[in-house]
Structure formats: C-alpha cells, structure tokens
C-alpha cells in the first residue's frame, strides 16, 4: 500500500510523463459543445478514455445522447472505437448522473510503473480516435 502522499506523487509523475511522451494539445474540455467533454482516467485497476455528456440541462443531455446513439455504428467501427461502451446513465463517484461513452484498459494500475507505457499508448491512441470521430462528425453532434 502507498501513503496518500506517495499515491499523489505517482499520479502526478504519470501525468507529467504522459504529457512529455505525448506533447499534444488534446481537445478534452474544449469541444465548444456545451456539456460535452473528452476525458482521460487512470486509477488502481484500469485506464479509460471517455466522451462525457455532463450538462445539468437534461433536455440538452438527451439531445446530445440521441445524436451519439444515431452515430453509434460509425463510432463502433474499426476506424474509431469498436469496443466503445454506451452508458446512458453513468454515475460519477460524487453521485452525479451523466451519459458516457468509453473504452477501458483493464489490469493496469497507476501505482505500477510497469503498466505505464502500455497505458500511455492506450490513452493516446484512443483519445486520438475520439478526436478524429469528433472532427469527422462535429456538424451532426453540435
């Protein structure tokens, strides 16, 4: 087990190393679509890249979700994210309900430096595919 400070340091070290290994300006929160963000996540059990629809405006969330559902077969093609999971009602750790589309890499841990390289490759490749999809279908999503 790691202390809280050690765990925090490992998380910081990972994200700094990721930024240096993949020095790119990711879209993430800058989609320019209200309530839509792309996110990286890495914890003790898995890594994840997601498309989050997290607006407090329920009608807006439903509208965005329906647009992504209409594009589901395209998003899940080999060109983009064939393993994407669509979760209309995903609950964050704080209890907030959002809609999320995501892909995960299991059996990796931010506390295990031996899994960092594999995780960085996964995060980079899958976020690049999300961004490509977004660029290709931006007009429909907006």
Foldseek 3Di string as FASTA:
>chain_A
DDDPVRLVVLVVVLVVVLCVVDVDDFCAPVLVQPQWGWDWDAAAWKTKIKIKRADPPVVSQVLLLVLCVVCVVVCLDPQANVPWDWAQFDADPVGGTITMIMDMDGDDHSVDPVCSVVNSVVRVVNSVRVVVVCVVCVVSND
